[in-house]
């Protein structure tokens, strides 16, 4: 049985993009790790193979970028980081 997907509003997607951009600016992240983070959050996945296909890079590149993201943002794992971003984006989207 397929798992139902979460329907997101345009406002939430815009808020997610804004929060990811702010996070990237705050931590001085380059374009590739920023795209990895954005894709992970928007797609709701931390699957290296899927993220590599979407970003057009190798799985090893995704692993390297993931390590950089975690080091830069001082988080323990990508799920924790994406959770923080989604929570902040939801707060902003609901505040409108």
N, C-alpha and C. Protein backbone atom coordinates (compact mmCIF):
# COMPACT_ATOMS: atom_id res chain seq x y z
N UNK A 1 0.84 -1.17 0.00
CA UNK A 1 0.00 0.00 0.00
C UNK A 1 0.90 1.24 0.00
N UNK A 2 0.68 2.18 -0.95
CA UNK A 2 1.52 3.37 -1.00
C UNK A 2 1.28 4.29 0.19
N UNK A 3 2.35 4.94 0.60
CA UNK A 3 2.25 5.89 1.70
C UNK A 3 1.75 7.21 1.14
N UNK A 4 0.72 7.81 1.75
CA UNK A 4 0.22 9.08 1.23
C UNK A 4 1.27 10.17 1.40
N UNK A 5 1.39 11.04 0.41
CA UNK A 5 2.36 12.12 0.48
C UNK A 5 1.72 13.32 1.15
N UNK A 6 2.53 14.10 1.81
CA UNK A 6 2.07 15.30 2.50
C UNK A 6 1.82 16.39 1.48
N UNK A 7 0.63 16.92 1.48
CA UNK A 7 0.31 18.03 0.59
C UNK A 7 0.86 19.31 1.21
N UNK A 8 1.69 20.00 0.46
CA UNK A 8 2.27 21.23 0.96
C UNK A 8 1.72 22.42 0.20
N UNK A 9 1.63 23.52 0.87
CA UNK A 9 1.17 24.74 0.23
C UNK A 9 2.36 25.47 -0.40
N UNK A 10 2.05 26.34 -1.31
CA UNK A 10 3.09 27.15 -1.94
C UNK A 10 3.78 28.02 -0.88
N UNK A 11 3.02 28.50 0.09
CA UNK A 11 3.59 29.34 1.15
C UNK A 11 4.62 28.56 1.96
N UNK A 12 4.34 27.29 2.22
CA UNK A 12 5.30 26.48 2.98
C UNK A 12 6.56 26.23 2.15
N UNK A 13 6.41 25.91 0.87
CA UNK A 13 7.58 25.70 0.02
C UNK A 13 8.44 26.97 -0.03
N UNK A 14 7.80 28.12 -0.14
CA UNK A 14 8.55 29.38 -0.16
C UNK A 14 9.24 29.62 1.17
N UNK A 15 8.57 29.29 2.26
CA UNK A 15 9.17 29.46 3.59
C UNK A 15 10.36 28.52 3.76
N UNK A 16 10.25 27.30 3.26
CA UNK A 16 11.37 26.35 3.34
C UNK A 16 12.57 26.89 2.57
N UNK A 17 12.32 27.38 1.35
CA UNK A 17 13.42 27.94 0.55
C UNK A 17 14.07 29.12 1.26
N UNK A 18 13.27 29.97 1.85
CA UNK A 18 13.80 31.13 2.56
C UNK A 18 14.64 30.70 3.76
N UNK A 19 14.14 29.75 4.54
CA UNK A 19 14.88 29.29 5.72
C UNK A 19 16.19 28.62 5.31
N UNK A 20 16.17 27.81 4.25
CA UNK A 20 17.40 27.17 3.76
C UNK A 20 18.39 28.24 3.30
N UNK A 21 17.92 29.25 2.57
CA UNK A 21 18.81 30.33 2.12
C UNK A 21 19.41 31.08 3.30
N UNK A 22 18.60 31.35 4.31
CA UNK A 22 19.10 32.04 5.50
C UNK A 22 20.13 31.19 6.23
N UNK A 23 19.87 29.89 6.32
CA UNK A 23 20.80 28.97 6.97
C UNK A 23 22.12 28.96 6.20
N UNK A 24 22.03 28.91 4.87
CA UNK A 24 23.24 28.89 4.03
C UNK A 24 24.04 30.17 4.21
N UNK A 25 23.37 31.30 4.25
CA UNK A 25 24.06 32.58 4.43
C UNK A 25 24.69 32.66 5.81
N UNK A 26 23.95 32.27 6.82
CA UNK A 26 24.44 32.34 8.21
C UNK A 26 25.69 31.48 8.41
N UNK A 27 25.73 30.32 7.75
CA UNK A 27 26.84 29.40 7.95
C UNK A 27 27.87 29.45 6.82
N UNK A 28 27.70 30.36 5.88
CA UNK A 28 28.66 30.50 4.79
C UNK A 28 28.75 29.27 3.89
N UNK A 29 27.60 28.65 3.65
CA UNK A 29 27.58 27.42 2.84
C UNK A 29 27.68 27.76 1.36
N UNK A 30 28.36 26.89 0.61
CA UNK A 30 28.45 27.08 -0.84
C UNK A 30 27.17 26.57 -1.51
N UNK A 31 27.11 26.71 -2.82
CA UNK A 31 25.89 26.38 -3.57
C UNK A 31 25.52 24.91 -3.49
N UNK A 32 26.48 24.00 -3.63
CA UNK A 32 26.16 22.57 -3.67
C UNK A 32 25.60 22.03 -2.36
N UNK A 33 26.24 22.28 -1.23
CA UNK A 33 25.63 21.81 0.03
C UNK A 33 24.27 22.45 0.29
N UNK A 34 24.10 23.70 -0.15
CA UNK A 34 22.81 24.37 0.01
C UNK A 34 21.75 23.65 -0.82
N UNK A 35 22.10 23.27 -2.04
CA UNK A 35 21.13 22.55 -2.89
C UNK A 35 20.81 21.18 -2.29
N UNK A 36 21.83 20.50 -1.76
CA UNK A 36 21.59 19.21 -1.11
C UNK A 36 20.59 19.37 0.03
N UNK A 37 20.80 20.36 0.85
CA UNK A 37 19.91 20.59 1.99
C UNK A 37 18.50 20.92 1.51
N UNK A 38 18.38 21.78 0.51
CA UNK A 38 17.07 22.14 -0.01
C UNK A 38 16.34 20.93 -0.58
N UNK A 39 17.04 20.12 -1.37
CA UNK A 39 16.42 18.93 -1.95
C UNK A 39 16.01 17.93 -0.87
N UNK A 40 16.86 17.76 0.14
CA UNK A 40 16.54 16.82 1.23
C UNK A 40 15.28 17.26 1.96
N UNK A 41 15.16 18.56 2.19
CA UNK A 41 13.99 19.07 2.91
C UNK A 41 12.74 19.00 2.04
N UNK A 42 12.82 19.50 0.81
CA UNK A 42 11.65 19.53 -0.06
C UNK A 42 11.15 18.13 -0.41
N UNK A 43 12.07 17.19 -0.58
CA UNK A 43 11.69 15.83 -0.96
C UNK A 43 11.43 14.94 0.26
N UNK A 44 11.80 15.43 1.43
CA UNK A 44 11.56 14.65 2.65
C UNK A 44 12.35 13.35 2.68
N UNK A 45 13.58 13.40 2.22
CA UNK A 45 14.40 12.20 2.18
C UNK A 45 15.84 12.50 2.57
N UNK A 46 16.52 11.49 3.02
CA UNK A 46 17.96 11.60 3.22
C UNK A 46 18.67 10.45 2.49
N UNK A 47 18.01 9.90 1.47
CA UNK A 47 18.54 8.81 0.66
C UNK A 47 19.64 9.34 -0.25
N UNK A 48 20.87 8.88 -0.04
CA UNK A 48 22.01 9.37 -0.81
C UNK A 48 21.86 9.14 -2.31
N UNK A 49 21.31 8.00 -2.70
CA UNK A 49 21.19 7.68 -4.12
C UNK A 49 20.20 8.63 -4.80
N UNK A 50 19.05 8.84 -4.19
CA UNK A 50 18.05 9.75 -4.75
C UNK A 50 18.60 11.18 -4.81
N UNK A 51 19.22 11.62 -3.73
CA UNK A 51 19.76 12.98 -3.70
C UNK A 51 20.86 13.16 -4.74
N UNK A 52 21.67 12.13 -4.95
CA UNK A 52 22.72 12.20 -5.97
C UNK A 52 22.11 12.36 -7.36
N UNK A 53 21.06 11.61 -7.64
CA UNK A 53 20.39 11.72 -8.95
C UNK A 53 19.79 13.10 -9.14
N UNK A 54 19.11 13.60 -8.13
CA UNK A 54 18.45 14.90 -8.22
C UNK A 54 19.47 16.02 -8.38
N UNK A 55 20.57 15.93 -7.64
CA UNK A 55 21.58 16.99 -7.67
C UNK A 55 22.58 16.81 -8.83
N UNK A 56 22.54 15.66 -9.48
CA UNK A 56 23.43 15.43 -10.61
C UNK A 56 24.88 15.23 -10.23
N UNK A 57 25.09 14.59 -9.08
CA UNK A 57 26.46 14.32 -8.60
C UNK A 57 26.54 12.87 -8.14
N UNK A 58 27.73 12.44 -7.77
CA UNK A 58 27.90 11.06 -7.32
C UNK A 58 27.45 10.89 -5.86
N UNK A 59 27.23 9.66 -5.49
CA UNK A 59 26.86 9.35 -4.11
C UNK A 59 27.97 9.78 -3.16
N UNK A 60 29.21 9.59 -3.56
CA UNK A 60 30.34 10.00 -2.71
C UNK A 60 30.34 11.52 -2.50
N UNK A 61 29.98 12.27 -3.52
CA UNK A 61 29.88 13.72 -3.38
C UNK A 61 28.79 14.08 -2.38
N UNK A 62 27.67 13.39 -2.44
CA UNK A 62 26.58 13.63 -1.48
C UNK A 62 27.06 13.35 -0.06
N UNK A 63 27.79 12.25 0.11
CA UNK A 63 28.31 11.91 1.44
C UNK A 63 29.24 13.00 1.95
N UNK A 64 30.10 13.51 1.08
CA UNK A 64 31.03 14.58 1.47
C UNK A 64 30.26 15.85 1.83
N UNK A 65 29.30 16.21 0.99
CA UNK A 65 28.52 17.41 1.26
C UNK A 65 27.70 17.27 2.54
N UNK A 66 27.20 16.09 2.79
CA UNK A 66 26.43 15.84 4.02
C UNK A 66 27.33 16.06 5.24
N UNK A 67 28.54 15.50 5.20
CA UNK A 67 29.48 15.71 6.31
C UNK A 67 29.77 17.19 6.52
N UNK A 68 29.96 17.92 5.41
CA UNK A 68 30.21 19.36 5.50
C UNK A 68 29.03 20.09 6.14
N UNK A 69 27.83 19.74 5.69
CA UNK A 69 26.62 20.36 6.26
C UNK A 69 26.53 20.15 7.76
N UNK A 70 26.76 18.93 8.17
CA UNK A 70 26.64 18.61 9.59
C UNK A 70 27.72 19.32 10.41
N UNK A 71 28.92 19.40 9.87
CA UNK A 71 30.01 20.09 10.57
C UNK A 71 29.72 21.58 10.66
N UNK A 72 29.32 22.17 9.54
CA UNK A 72 29.07 23.62 9.49
C UNK A 72 27.92 24.02 10.40
N UNK A 73 26.85 23.24 10.39
CA UNK A 73 25.65 23.60 11.16
C UNK A 73 25.66 23.04 12.58
N UNK A 74 26.69 22.26 12.89
CA UNK A 74 26.83 21.66 14.22
C UNK A 74 25.61 20.83 14.60
N UNK A 75 25.14 20.02 13.64
CA UNK A 75 24.04 19.10 13.90
C UNK A 75 24.56 17.67 13.82
N UNK A 76 23.81 16.75 14.41
CA UNK A 76 24.25 15.36 14.47
C UNK A 76 23.93 14.55 13.22
N UNK A 77 22.81 14.88 12.57
CA UNK A 77 22.44 14.14 11.36
C UNK A 77 21.53 15.00 10.49
N UNK A 78 21.36 14.59 9.25
CA UNK A 78 20.58 15.36 8.29
C UNK A 78 19.11 15.45 8.70
N UNK A 79 18.59 14.40 9.31
CA UNK A 79 17.19 14.43 9.77
C UNK A 79 16.97 15.53 10.80
N UNK A 80 17.90 15.67 11.72
CA UNK A 80 17.80 16.71 12.73
C UNK A 80 17.81 18.09 12.08
N UNK A 81 18.69 18.28 11.12
CA UNK A 81 18.80 19.57 10.44
C UNK A 81 17.53 19.87 9.64
N UNK A 82 17.04 18.90 8.89
CA UNK A 82 15.83 19.13 8.10
C UNK A 82 14.62 19.37 9.00
N UNK A 83 14.58 18.69 10.14
CA UNK A 83 13.48 18.90 11.09
C UNK A 83 13.47 20.35 11.58
N UNK A 84 14.63 20.88 11.91
CA UNK A 84 14.72 22.27 12.38
C UNK A 84 14.26 23.24 11.29
N UNK A 85 14.63 22.97 10.05
CA UNK A 85 14.26 23.84 8.95
C UNK A 85 12.75 23.78 8.70
N UNK A 86 12.20 22.59 8.67
CA UNK A 86 10.76 22.45 8.43
C UNK A 86 9.96 23.09 9.57
N UNK A 87 10.40 22.90 10.80
CA UNK A 87 9.70 23.49 11.94
C UNK A 87 9.68 25.01 11.83
N UNK A 88 10.83 25.61 11.49
CA UNK A 88 10.89 27.07 11.34
C UNK A 88 10.05 27.54 10.15
N UNK A 89 10.09 26.79 9.05
CA UNK A 89 9.30 27.16 7.87
C UNK A 89 7.81 27.07 8.17
N UNK A 90 7.39 26.04 8.89
CA UNK A 90 5.99 25.92 9.28
C UNK A 90 5.56 27.08 10.16
N UNK A 91 6.41 27.43 11.10
CA UNK A 91 6.10 28.55 12.00
C UNK A 91 5.87 29.82 11.18
N UNK A 92 6.74 30.06 10.22
CA UNK A 92 6.62 31.26 9.38
C UNK A 92 5.39 31.21 8.48
N UNK A 93 5.15 30.05 7.88
CA UNK A 93 4.01 29.91 6.95
C UNK A 93 2.69 30.09 7.69
N UNK A 94 2.61 29.59 8.91
CA UNK A 94 1.37 29.69 9.69
C UNK A 94 1.18 31.10 10.27
N UNK A 95 2.28 31.83 10.41
CA UNK A 95 2.20 33.17 10.97
C UNK A 95 1.67 34.19 9.96
N UNK A 96 1.64 33.83 8.68
CA UNK A 96 1.17 34.76 7.64
C UNK A 96 -0.31 34.96 7.70
